[in-house]
């Protein structure tokens, strides 16, 4: 939570700056400590959430043989998983705001595991849709979104690096789960593989247990609980928190981000889906074609934390939105140039640069959203954004497939994807530039001090009566101690950073 330096500081907000984090009252983001355990949990959850829909595809041939269905029928399993991961965003937001992150994640871990265990006893492809697609997809969604919310609460100054490290869980898990799925299928069949994967998903419950809520400082808490009259007098009833805060749509920065992200998702996931088929179309072996995804994932693995480290530097942190726009332009131009590749070496070069740009986008997309809306509204904002992206996820790859059926040329598929991602970059950058009215510098770490409403009011009263010794003598008790604490905090803030406002 950042100290409100002016009365209009929270109201006048733009995408160019960082929003005020109105998290738990009196709590400062620790930027370390138990936050590293939260980061490990978020790393694992991100890996399961993004890699699992792709890892399940190694069982598709067995499912086709078992149930006598086509490849398009089995492809719906991954589609439903992704649709649940993105489309249930608002539901996750409501549950998190109602019950908190830890219980929601632990219940989600049980759902994710139960879905795979149920699928191991399936007798038709419909059962797989309902168990693996709906139940496991819902469980992963109930883990993914709360883990990002907790990461946002535990990190502030180091948040870009934390986001980059957590996002690296996706390529790492994909590199591990896909070979593991093949080993499980070879040794235990698809039913045994599903059962073992269901057991592995119980680790989501362990990750949920790591999401310990932040507590207010012990000294301030003891003062408030002591029942001191001066403190109790200043306490005001807090407004009831909304389960799903639609007021984020009043923020122009959020609207621009949502539109840009939805357009970006239309083309972002298309190249990884079609690059292997493109290589096979050029008459290359299946092994060499599959190696392209491995190269892409390996580069992606290192690009995400590196980009997070760069985004966290003092000179780049206030310009994170523009770095995100650059990452999208980089990705879109890679698609446009890669569409002209006709040799295996050309495809390898394409995968290297696509992995770099894809990793940058993955590391920055939620960091930028956190910076726009702040901690208080992030739980609602991410749910609404994921819902909008769910529509684009379901339209993007199938739309590209229809274009391929009509033209029988992969070049047009990559050109379309590149144009969509590049367009989203211009929407974000130009919209952001036009919405900025006053520039805001990135708050220093010392500014991120929590001050409650009671403390602020007490400080103001003490300053107004500074010349009256009678008032000060009457506050020799704990109320005076509260004032001294807050005065010291404000002095530290003024020394650490100049006063800025949007």
Protein backbone atom coordinates (compact mmCIF):
# COMPACT_ATOMS: atom_id res chain seq x y z
CA UNK A 1 0.00 0.00 0.00
CA UNK A 2 1.38 3.40 -0.94
CA UNK A 3 0.81 6.47 1.19
CA UNK A 4 -1.82 8.77 -0.31
CA UNK A 5 0.18 11.96 -0.65
CA UNK A 6 -2.68 14.06 -1.97
CA UNK A 7 -6.43 13.81 -1.72
CA UNK A 8 -6.77 13.24 -5.43
CA UNK A 9 -3.82 10.88 -5.71
CA UNK A 10 -5.97 7.78 -5.99
CA UNK A 11 -8.55 9.31 -8.28
CA UNK A 12 -6.23 10.71 -10.94
CA UNK A 13 -4.59 7.55 -12.26
CA UNK A 14 -3.13 6.69 -15.65
CA UNK A 15 -1.47 3.72 -17.24
CA UNK A 16 1.89 5.47 -17.31
CA UNK A 17 2.20 5.32 -13.53
CA UNK A 18 1.75 2.76 -10.83
CA UNK A 19 -1.58 2.51 -9.06
CA UNK A 20 -1.89 2.81 -5.33
CA UNK A 21 -2.03 -0.61 -3.70
CA UNK A 22 -4.85 -0.64 -1.19
CA UNK A 23 -4.14 -4.09 0.19
CA UNK A 24 -4.72 -5.24 3.77
CA UNK A 25 -4.77 -2.16 5.99
CA UNK A 26 -1.47 -1.47 7.73
CA UNK A 27 0.51 -4.04 5.74
CA UNK A 28 3.54 -3.37 3.60
CA UNK A 29 4.59 -5.78 0.85
CA UNK A 30 7.62 -7.57 2.36
CA UNK A 31 9.42 -8.02 -1.01
CA UNK A 32 11.03 -11.18 0.29
CA UNK A 33 10.84 -13.37 3.37
CA UNK A 34 7.86 -15.69 3.07
CA UNK A 35 7.21 -14.08 -0.30
CA UNK A 36 9.84 -16.37 -1.84
CA UNK A 37 7.81 -19.39 -0.69
CA UNK A 38 4.74 -17.79 -2.29
CA UNK A 39 6.80 -17.33 -5.47
CA UNK A 40 7.72 -21.04 -5.52
CA UNK A 41 4.05 -21.94 -5.18
CA UNK A 42 3.11 -19.52 -7.96
CA UNK A 43 5.88 -21.00 -10.17
CA UNK A 44 4.44 -24.52 -9.79
CA UNK A 45 0.83 -23.39 -10.27
CA UNK A 46 1.68 -21.40 -13.41
CA UNK A 47 3.49 -24.43 -14.79
CA UNK A 48 0.55 -26.75 -14.23
CA UNK A 49 -2.01 -24.23 -15.52
CA UNK A 50 -0.36 -23.43 -18.85
CA UNK A 51 1.51 -26.67 -19.57
CA UNK A 52 -1.14 -29.21 -18.58
CA UNK A 53 -3.49 -28.61 -21.54
CA UNK A 54 -0.54 -29.21 -23.90
CA UNK A 55 0.89 -32.13 -21.93
CA UNK A 56 -2.42 -34.03 -22.05
CA UNK A 57 -2.16 -34.09 -25.86
CA UNK A 58 0.44 -36.90 -25.71
CA UNK A 59 -2.42 -39.27 -24.76
CA UNK A 60 -4.59 -38.31 -27.72
CA UNK A 61 -3.57 -41.23 -29.97
CA UNK A 62 -4.47 -43.72 -27.25
CA UNK A 63 -7.81 -42.01 -26.68
CA UNK A 64 -8.54 -42.09 -30.43
CA UNK A 65 -7.83 -45.82 -30.49
CA UNK A 66 -9.80 -46.49 -27.28
CA UNK A 67 -12.99 -44.58 -28.13
CA UNK A 68 -12.90 -44.63 -31.93
CA UNK A 69 -13.00 -40.85 -32.32
CA UNK A 70 -11.10 -38.39 -34.52
CA UNK A 71 -8.27 -36.05 -33.67
CA UNK A 72 -10.60 -33.06 -33.73
CA UNK A 73 -12.71 -34.74 -31.02
CA UNK A 74 -9.74 -35.22 -28.71
CA UNK A 75 -8.50 -31.67 -29.39
CA UNK A 76 -11.61 -30.43 -27.59
CA UNK A 77 -10.08 -31.67 -24.31
CA UNK A 78 -7.32 -29.04 -24.43
CA UNK A 79 -9.76 -26.41 -25.69
CA UNK A 80 -12.16 -26.98 -22.80
CA UNK A 81 -9.26 -26.89 -20.33
CA UNK A 82 -8.12 -23.52 -21.65
CA UNK A 83 -11.69 -22.21 -21.81
CA UNK A 84 -12.20 -23.09 -18.15
CA UNK A 85 -8.85 -21.57 -17.17
CA UNK A 86 -9.72 -18.24 -18.82
CA UNK A 87 -13.51 -18.18 -18.80
CA UNK A 88 -14.03 -18.80 -15.08
CA UNK A 89 -12.04 -15.67 -14.17
CA UNK A 90 -15.00 -13.74 -12.70
CA UNK A 91 -16.06 -16.78 -10.64
CA UNK A 92 -12.53 -17.04 -9.22
CA UNK A 93 -12.59 -13.33 -8.39
CA UNK A 94 -15.86 -13.70 -6.46
CA UNK A 95 -14.58 -16.73 -4.51
CA UNK A 96 -11.26 -15.05 -3.65
CA UNK A 97 -12.99 -11.88 -2.44
CA UNK A 98 -15.42 -13.99 -0.39
CA UNK A 99 -13.19 -16.68 1.13
CA UNK A 100 -9.58 -15.62 0.50
CA UNK A 101 -6.81 -17.09 -1.68
CA UNK A 102 -5.60 -20.02 0.46
CA UNK A 103 -8.92 -21.95 0.86
CA UNK A 104 -9.88 -21.35 -2.77
CA UNK A 105 -6.54 -22.74 -3.98
CA UNK A 106 -6.69 -25.82 -1.76
CA UNK A 107 -10.21 -26.64 -2.93
CA UNK A 108 -9.06 -26.01 -6.51
CA UNK A 109 -6.21 -28.49 -6.04
CA UNK A 110 -8.71 -31.14 -4.97
CA UNK A 111 -10.88 -30.43 -8.02
CA UNK A 112 -7.89 -30.60 -10.38
CA UNK A 113 -6.80 -33.95 -8.96
CA UNK A 114 -10.33 -35.37 -8.79
CA UNK A 115 -10.96 -34.56 -12.44
CA UNK A 116 -7.96 -36.57 -13.66
CA UNK A 117 -8.75 -39.49 -11.32
CA UNK A 118 -12.33 -39.57 -12.60
CA UNK A 119 -11.06 -39.44 -16.19
CA UNK A 120 -8.98 -42.59 -15.62
CA UNK A 121 -12.28 -44.51 -15.26
CA UNK A 122 -13.96 -42.90 -18.30
CA UNK A 123 -15.93 -45.07 -20.73
CA UNK A 124 -16.54 -42.41 -23.42
CA UNK A 125 -14.95 -39.25 -24.74
CA UNK A 126 -17.80 -37.22 -23.19
CA UNK A 127 -16.65 -38.39 -19.76
CA UNK A 128 -13.16 -37.07 -20.58
CA UNK A 129 -14.64 -33.72 -21.58
CA UNK A 130 -16.50 -33.40 -18.28
CA UNK A 131 -13.79 -34.72 -15.97
CA UNK A 132 -10.50 -33.56 -17.48
CA UNK A 133 -11.90 -30.55 -19.33
CA UNK A 134 -14.44 -29.09 -16.90
CA UNK A 135 -13.47 -30.39 -13.43
CA UNK A 136 -9.68 -30.29 -13.81
CA UNK A 137 -9.90 -27.03 -15.78
CA UNK A 138 -11.95 -25.44 -13.00
CA UNK A 139 -9.46 -26.68 -10.41
CA UNK A 140 -6.51 -25.20 -12.26
CA UNK A 141 -8.37 -21.89 -12.67
CA UNK A 142 -9.05 -21.78 -8.92
CA UNK A 143 -5.30 -22.08 -8.37
CA UNK A 144 -3.90 -19.87 -11.12
CA UNK A 145 -5.69 -16.61 -10.41
CA UNK A 146 -5.33 -16.57 -6.58
CA UNK A 147 -1.61 -17.38 -6.87
CA UNK A 148 -1.09 -14.24 -8.97
CA UNK A 149 -3.10 -12.19 -6.49
CA UNK A 150 -0.93 -13.37 -3.58
CA UNK A 151 2.24 -12.72 -5.55
CA UNK A 152 1.05 -9.15 -6.11
CA UNK A 153 0.49 -8.70 -2.38
CA UNK A 154 3.87 -10.06 -1.30
CA UNK A 155 5.99 -8.16 -3.83
CA UNK A 156 6.09 -4.50 -4.77
CA UNK A 157 9.60 -3.23 -5.46
CA UNK A 158 10.71 -6.65 -6.76
CA UNK A 159 7.37 -7.48 -8.37
CA UNK A 160 8.53 -7.46 -12.03
CA UNK A 161 11.28 -9.97 -11.19
CA UNK A 162 8.83 -12.08 -9.20
CA UNK A 163 6.37 -12.09 -12.10
CA UNK A 164 9.11 -13.10 -14.52
CA UNK A 165 10.29 -15.97 -12.31
CA UNK A 166 6.74 -17.21 -11.73
CA UNK A 167 5.94 -17.05 -15.46
CA UNK A 168 9.01 -19.22 -16.16
CA UNK A 169 7.06 -22.09 -14.62
CA UNK A 170 5.14 -22.53 -17.87
CA UNK A 171 8.05 -23.52 -20.19
CA UNK A 172 9.80 -25.47 -17.41
CA UNK A 173 6.67 -27.53 -16.70
CA UNK A 174 6.05 -28.09 -20.41
CA UNK A 175 9.58 -29.44 -20.87
CA UNK A 176 8.99 -31.83 -17.94
CA UNK A 177 5.34 -32.86 -18.30
CA UNK A 178 5.40 -33.77 -22.00
CA UNK A 179 8.23 -36.36 -21.71
CA UNK A 180 6.73 -37.60 -18.44
CA UNK A 181 3.37 -38.11 -20.13
CA UNK A 182 5.02 -40.22 -22.84
CA UNK A 183 6.79 -42.36 -20.20
CA UNK A 184 3.56 -42.85 -18.26
CA UNK A 185 1.65 -43.79 -21.39
CA UNK A 186 4.31 -46.31 -22.41
CA UNK A 187 4.48 -47.98 -18.99
CA UNK A 188 0.96 -47.65 -17.58
CA UNK A 189 -1.33 -46.77 -20.51
CA UNK A 190 -3.49 -43.69 -20.64
CA UNK A 191 -5.64 -44.71 -17.65
CA UNK A 192 -2.64 -45.23 -15.39
CA UNK A 193 -1.08 -42.03 -16.71
CA UNK A 194 -4.21 -40.02 -15.91
CA UNK A 195 -4.32 -41.52 -12.42
CA UNK A 196 -0.68 -40.61 -11.69
CA UNK A 197 -1.10 -37.11 -13.11
CA UNK A 198 -4.14 -36.71 -10.86
CA UNK A 199 -1.96 -37.54 -7.88
CA UNK A 200 0.64 -35.01 -9.03
CA UNK A 201 -2.00 -32.30 -9.19
CA UNK A 202 -2.52 -32.69 -5.43
CA UNK A 203 0.67 -30.63 -5.17
CA UNK A 204 -1.60 -27.67 -5.96
CA UNK A 205 -3.02 -28.08 -2.44
CA UNK A 206 0.50 -27.84 -1.01
CA UNK A 207 1.12 -24.70 -3.07
CA UNK A 208 -2.17 -23.28 -1.79
CA UNK A 209 -1.05 -23.89 1.78
CA UNK A 210 1.96 -21.65 1.13
CA UNK A 211 -0.31 -18.65 0.44
CA UNK A 212 -0.22 -17.29 3.97
CA UNK A 213 -2.24 -14.06 4.36
CA UNK A 214 -0.31 -10.92 5.23
CA UNK A 215 -0.89 -9.63 8.77
CA UNK A 216 -0.62 -6.04 10.05
CA UNK A 217 2.45 -4.99 12.07
CA UNK A 218 2.40 -6.39 15.63
CA UNK A 219 3.00 -3.03 17.32
CA UNK A 220 0.18 -1.26 15.52
CA UNK A 221 -2.10 -4.26 15.98
CA UNK A 222 -1.48 -4.31 19.74
CA UNK A 223 -2.22 -0.57 19.96
CA UNK A 224 -5.52 -0.98 18.15
CA UNK A 225 -6.53 -4.00 20.21
CA UNK A 226 -5.70 -2.20 23.47
CA UNK A 227 -8.92 -0.20 23.13
CA UNK A 228 -7.25 3.21 23.43
CA UNK A 229 -9.91 5.91 23.26
CA UNK A 230 -8.04 8.19 20.89
CA UNK A 231 -7.45 5.35 18.44
CA UNK A 232 -10.96 3.94 18.73
CA UNK A 233 -12.43 7.41 18.25
CA UNK A 234 -10.74 7.76 14.86
CA UNK A 235 -11.75 4.33 13.59
CA UNK A 236 -14.32 4.43 10.86
CA UNK A 237 -16.36 1.49 9.58
CA UNK A 238 -14.82 0.09 6.41
CA UNK A 239 -17.14 -0.19 3.39
CA UNK A 240 -18.17 -3.73 2.48
CA UNK A 241 -15.89 -5.13 -0.20
CA UNK A 242 -17.55 -6.04 -3.48
CA UNK A 243 -17.31 -9.64 -4.60
CA UNK A 244 -16.72 -8.51 -8.19
CA UNK A 245 -15.71 -4.88 -8.63
CA UNK A 246 -16.97 -3.62 -11.99
CA UNK A 247 -15.71 -0.12 -11.21
CA UNK A 248 -12.42 -1.10 -12.91
CA UNK A 249 -14.18 -0.42 -16.21
CA UNK A 250 -14.22 3.27 -15.24
CA UNK A 251 -10.43 3.23 -15.45
CA UNK A 252 -9.42 4.14 -19.00
CA UNK A 253 -6.11 2.41 -18.52
CA UNK A 254 -7.85 -0.87 -17.69
CA UNK A 255 -10.13 -0.57 -20.71
CA UNK A 256 -7.20 0.01 -23.07
CA UNK A 257 -5.28 -2.90 -21.56
CA UNK A 258 -8.28 -5.25 -21.87
CA UNK A 259 -8.87 -4.38 -25.53
CA UNK A 260 -5.17 -4.71 -26.38
CA UNK A 261 -4.80 -8.00 -24.51
CA UNK A 262 -7.86 -9.50 -26.21
CA UNK A 263 -6.58 -8.58 -29.68
CA UNK A 264 -3.12 -9.89 -28.78
CA UNK A 265 -4.42 -13.29 -27.66
CA UNK A 266 -6.11 -13.77 -31.06
CA UNK A 267 -2.68 -14.25 -32.63
CA UNK A 268 -0.28 -14.93 -29.75
CA UNK A 269 -0.91 -18.68 -29.43
CA UNK A 270 -1.21 -19.40 -33.17
CA UNK A 271 2.50 -19.92 -34.11
CA UNK A 272 3.24 -22.54 -31.40
CA UNK A 273 0.17 -24.48 -32.56
CA UNK A 274 1.10 -24.48 -36.27
CA UNK A 275 4.91 -24.35 -36.39
CA UNK A 276 5.34 -28.14 -36.12
CA UNK A 277 2.76 -28.77 -38.84
CA UNK A 278 4.47 -26.11 -40.96
CA UNK A 279 7.78 -27.97 -40.67
CA UNK A 280 6.12 -31.25 -41.63
CA UNK A 281 4.53 -29.51 -44.61
CA UNK A 282 8.07 -28.61 -45.71
CA UNK A 283 8.88 -32.38 -45.69
CA UNK A 284 11.00 -32.47 -42.53
CA UNK A 285 11.03 -35.47 -40.16
CA UNK A 286 8.64 -35.65 -37.22
CA UNK A 287 11.54 -35.63 -34.73
CA UNK A 288 13.14 -32.54 -36.25
CA UNK A 289 9.76 -30.84 -36.45
CA UNK A 290 8.99 -31.52 -32.78
CA UNK A 291 12.43 -30.19 -31.83
CA UNK A 292 11.28 -26.73 -32.87
CA UNK A 293 8.91 -26.53 -29.88
CA UNK A 294 11.72 -27.66 -27.57
CA UNK A 295 13.94 -24.85 -28.85
CA UNK A 296 11.11 -22.35 -28.45
CA UNK A 297 10.42 -23.51 -24.88
CA UNK A 298 14.10 -23.48 -23.89
CA UNK A 299 14.55 -19.86 -25.01
CA UNK A 300 11.23 -18.90 -23.40
CA UNK A 301 12.44 -20.40 -20.12
CA UNK A 302 15.29 -17.91 -19.80
CA UNK A 303 13.59 -14.96 -21.47
CA UNK A 304 10.88 -14.61 -18.80
CA UNK A 305 13.04 -14.08 -15.69
CA UNK A 306 15.52 -11.96 -17.68
CA UNK A 307 12.73 -9.66 -18.84
CA UNK A 308 11.37 -9.48 -15.29
CA UNK A 309 14.81 -8.44 -14.04
CA UNK A 310 15.06 -5.70 -16.68
CA UNK A 311 11.51 -4.46 -15.98
CA UNK A 312 12.35 -4.12 -12.28
CA UNK A 313 15.21 -1.66 -12.77
CA UNK A 314 14.64 1.94 -11.63
CA UNK A 315 14.93 3.42 -15.12
CA UNK A 316 12.60 0.87 -16.72
CA UNK A 317 9.97 0.34 -13.99
CA UNK A 318 7.98 3.53 -14.74
CA UNK A 319 7.95 2.60 -18.45
CA UNK A 320 6.77 -1.01 -18.07
CA UNK A 321 3.75 -0.38 -20.29
CA UNK A 322 5.97 0.68 -23.17
CA UNK A 323 8.29 -2.29 -22.60
CA UNK A 324 5.22 -4.52 -22.86
CA UNK A 325 4.24 -2.76 -26.10
CA UNK A 326 7.75 -3.34 -27.46
CA UNK A 327 7.50 -7.04 -26.54
CA UNK A 328 4.26 -7.33 -28.51
CA UNK A 329 5.70 -5.51 -31.53
CA UNK A 330 8.76 -7.78 -31.32
CA UNK A 331 6.49 -10.83 -31.27
CA UNK A 332 4.31 -9.59 -34.12
CA UNK A 333 7.26 -8.69 -36.34
CA UNK A 334 8.78 -12.11 -35.63
CA UNK A 335 5.58 -13.71 -36.96
CA UNK A 336 5.56 -11.49 -40.03
CA UNK A 337 9.19 -12.21 -40.91
CA UNK A 338 8.92 -15.89 -39.93
CA UNK A 339 6.08 -16.35 -42.41
CA UNK A 340 8.71 -16.17 -45.17
CA UNK A 341 10.82 -19.03 -43.74
CA UNK A 342 11.06 -21.97 -46.13
CA UNK A 343 14.00 -23.91 -44.65
CA UNK A 344 14.59 -25.71 -41.37
CA UNK A 345 17.31 -23.24 -40.38
CA UNK A 346 14.88 -20.41 -41.00
CA UNK A 347 12.30 -22.06 -38.75
CA UNK A 348 14.92 -22.57 -36.00
CA UNK A 349 15.83 -18.88 -36.13
CA UNK A 350 12.13 -18.02 -36.04
CA UNK A 351 11.59 -20.20 -32.94
CA UNK A 352 14.56 -18.58 -31.15
CA UNK A 353 13.25 -15.04 -31.67
CA UNK A 354 9.66 -16.08 -31.06
CA UNK A 355 10.70 -17.71 -27.77
CA UNK A 356 12.39 -14.47 -26.71
CA UNK A 357 9.41 -12.27 -27.55
CA UNK A 358 6.88 -14.80 -26.23
CA UNK A 359 8.78 -14.94 -22.93
CA UNK A 360 8.81 -11.15 -22.67
CA UNK A 361 5.05 -10.99 -23.20
CA UNK A 362 4.47 -13.76 -20.65
CA UNK A 363 6.62 -12.02 -18.03
CA UNK A 364 5.00 -8.60 -18.44
CA UNK A 365 1.31 -9.16 -19.16
CA UNK A 366 0.16 -9.49 -15.53
CA UNK A 367 2.83 -7.12 -14.19
CA UNK A 368 1.35 -4.33 -16.34
CA UNK A 369 -2.18 -5.16 -15.18
CA UNK A 370 -1.03 -5.04 -11.54
CA UNK A 371 0.56 -1.64 -12.15
CA UNK A 372 -2.63 -0.30 -13.74
CA UNK A 373 -5.29 -1.32 -11.21
CA UNK A 374 -3.37 -1.84 -7.95
CA UNK A 375 -3.71 -4.57 -5.33
CA UNK A 376 -7.23 -3.82 -4.12
CA UNK A 377 -8.89 -4.21 -7.53
CA UNK A 378 -6.50 -6.74 -9.04
CA UNK A 379 -8.55 -9.76 -7.93
CA UNK A 380 -11.58 -8.45 -9.86
CA UNK A 381 -9.59 -7.01 -12.77
CA UNK A 382 -7.73 -10.22 -13.60
CA UNK A 383 -10.96 -12.21 -13.60
CA UNK A 384 -12.63 -9.84 -16.05
CA UNK A 385 -9.55 -9.69 -18.29
CA UNK A 386 -9.27 -13.49 -18.42
CA UNK A 387 -12.95 -13.72 -19.36
CA UNK A 388 -12.38 -11.40 -22.33
CA UNK A 389 -9.25 -13.33 -23.31
CA UNK A 390 -11.18 -16.61 -23.14
CA UNK A 391 -13.28 -15.50 -26.09
CA UNK A 392 -10.15 -14.63 -28.07
CA UNK A 393 -8.46 -17.94 -27.13
CA UNK A 394 -11.41 -19.88 -28.51
CA UNK A 395 -11.52 -17.80 -31.71
CA UNK A 396 -7.80 -17.40 -32.50
CA UNK A 397 -6.42 -20.87 -33.37
CA UNK A 398 -9.69 -22.16 -34.95
CA UNK A 399 -9.89 -19.00 -37.07
CA UNK A 400 -6.31 -19.51 -38.20
CA UNK A 401 -7.18 -23.13 -39.01
CA UNK A 402 -10.04 -22.04 -41.22
CA UNK A 403 -7.74 -19.62 -43.02
CA UNK A 404 -5.32 -22.50 -43.59
CA UNK A 405 -8.12 -24.69 -44.98
CA UNK A 406 -9.11 -21.92 -47.38
CA UNK A 407 -5.63 -20.97 -48.59
CA UNK A 408 -3.56 -24.14 -47.95
CA UNK A 409 -0.64 -21.82 -47.21
CA UNK A 410 0.92 -21.41 -43.74
CA UNK A 411 2.36 -18.04 -44.71
CA UNK A 412 -1.05 -16.39 -44.42
CA UNK A 413 -1.60 -17.95 -40.98
CA UNK A 414 1.62 -16.42 -39.62
CA UNK A 415 0.92 -13.10 -41.35
CA UNK A 416 -2.52 -12.91 -39.73
CA UNK A 417 -1.09 -13.72 -36.29
CA UNK A 418 1.65 -11.12 -36.69
CA UNK A 419 -0.80 -8.41 -37.73
CA UNK A 420 -3.07 -9.11 -34.75
CA UNK A 421 -0.26 -8.98 -32.18
CA UNK A 422 1.31 -5.87 -33.74
CA UNK A 423 -2.08 -4.12 -33.79
CA UNK A 424 -2.53 -4.83 -30.07
CA UNK A 425 0.87 -3.24 -29.36
CA UNK A 426 -0.15 -0.02 -31.10
CA UNK A 427 -3.51 0.02 -29.28
CA UNK A 428 -1.74 -0.23 -25.93
CA UNK A 429 1.08 2.23 -26.64
CA UNK A 430 -0.99 4.93 -28.36
CA UNK A 431 -3.89 4.58 -25.92
CA UNK A 432 -1.49 4.80 -23.00
CA UNK A 433 0.24 7.88 -24.40
CA UNK A 434 -3.03 9.71 -25.01
CA UNK A 435 -4.38 8.89 -21.54
CA UNK A 436 -1.43 10.33 -19.64
CA UNK A 437 -2.13 13.82 -18.36
CA UNK A 438 0.51 14.08 -15.70
CA UNK A 439 3.58 11.94 -15.43
CA UNK A 440 4.15 9.92 -12.32
CA UNK A 441 7.47 8.57 -11.21
CA UNK A 442 7.80 5.11 -9.78
CA UNK A 443 7.49 5.27 -5.99
CA UNK A 444 10.61 4.26 -4.12
CA UNK A 445 10.53 1.34 -1.74
CA UNK A 446 10.46 3.71 1.24
CA UNK A 447 7.19 5.21 -0.01
CA UNK A 448 5.40 1.92 0.22
CA UNK A 449 4.42 2.44 3.87
CA UNK A 450 0.93 1.64 5.09
CA UNK A 451 -0.95 4.37 6.93
CA UNK A 452 -4.45 3.71 8.19
CA UNK A 453 -7.22 6.28 8.06
CA UNK A 454 -7.16 6.57 11.87
CA UNK A 455 -3.42 7.24 11.86
CA UNK A 456 -3.72 9.88 9.12
CA UNK A 457 -6.49 11.69 10.96
CA UNK A 458 -4.58 11.55 14.25
CA UNK A 459 -1.51 13.01 12.55
CA UNK A 460 -3.51 15.85 11.06
CA UNK A 461 -5.07 16.69 14.41
CA UNK A 462 -1.72 16.66 16.15
CA UNK A 463 -0.20 19.01 13.55
CA UNK A 464 -3.13 21.44 13.84
CA UNK A 465 -2.69 21.59 17.60
CA UNK A 466 1.09 21.66 17.51
CA UNK A 467 1.30 25.00 19.34
CA UNK A 468 -1.04 23.86 22.12
CA UNK A 469 0.97 22.17 24.86
CA UNK A 470 -2.21 21.24 26.71
CA UNK A 471 -3.33 18.97 23.92
CA UNK A 472 0.04 17.29 23.70
CA UNK A 473 0.20 16.71 27.42
CA UNK A 474 -3.22 15.12 27.26
CA UNK A 475 -1.94 12.60 24.77
CA UNK A 476 0.91 11.09 26.75
CA UNK A 477 -0.64 7.67 26.42
CA UNK A 478 -0.77 5.27 23.52
CA UNK A 479 -2.46 7.75 21.19
CA UNK A 480 0.64 9.92 21.37
CA UNK A 481 2.72 6.89 20.53
CA UNK A 482 0.62 6.31 17.41
CA UNK A 483 1.20 9.91 16.35
CA UNK A 484 4.96 9.57 16.83
CA UNK A 485 5.01 6.38 14.75
CA UNK A 486 3.14 8.02 11.90
CA UNK A 487 5.24 11.22 12.06
CA UNK A 488 8.39 9.15 11.75
CA UNK A 489 6.92 7.29 8.80
CA UNK A 490 5.98 10.50 7.00
CA UNK A 491 9.40 12.04 7.62
CA UNK A 492 11.03 8.90 6.25
CA UNK A 493 8.80 9.10 3.18
CA UNK A 494 9.67 12.74 2.52
CA UNK A 495 13.39 12.00 2.83
CA UNK A 496 13.18 8.92 0.61
CA UNK A 497 11.28 10.32 -2.36
CA UNK A 498 9.84 13.61 -3.65
CA UNK A 499 6.09 14.03 -3.53
CA UNK A 500 4.49 13.06 -6.80
CA UNK A 501 0.95 12.81 -8.04
CA UNK A 502 -0.84 11.96 -11.21
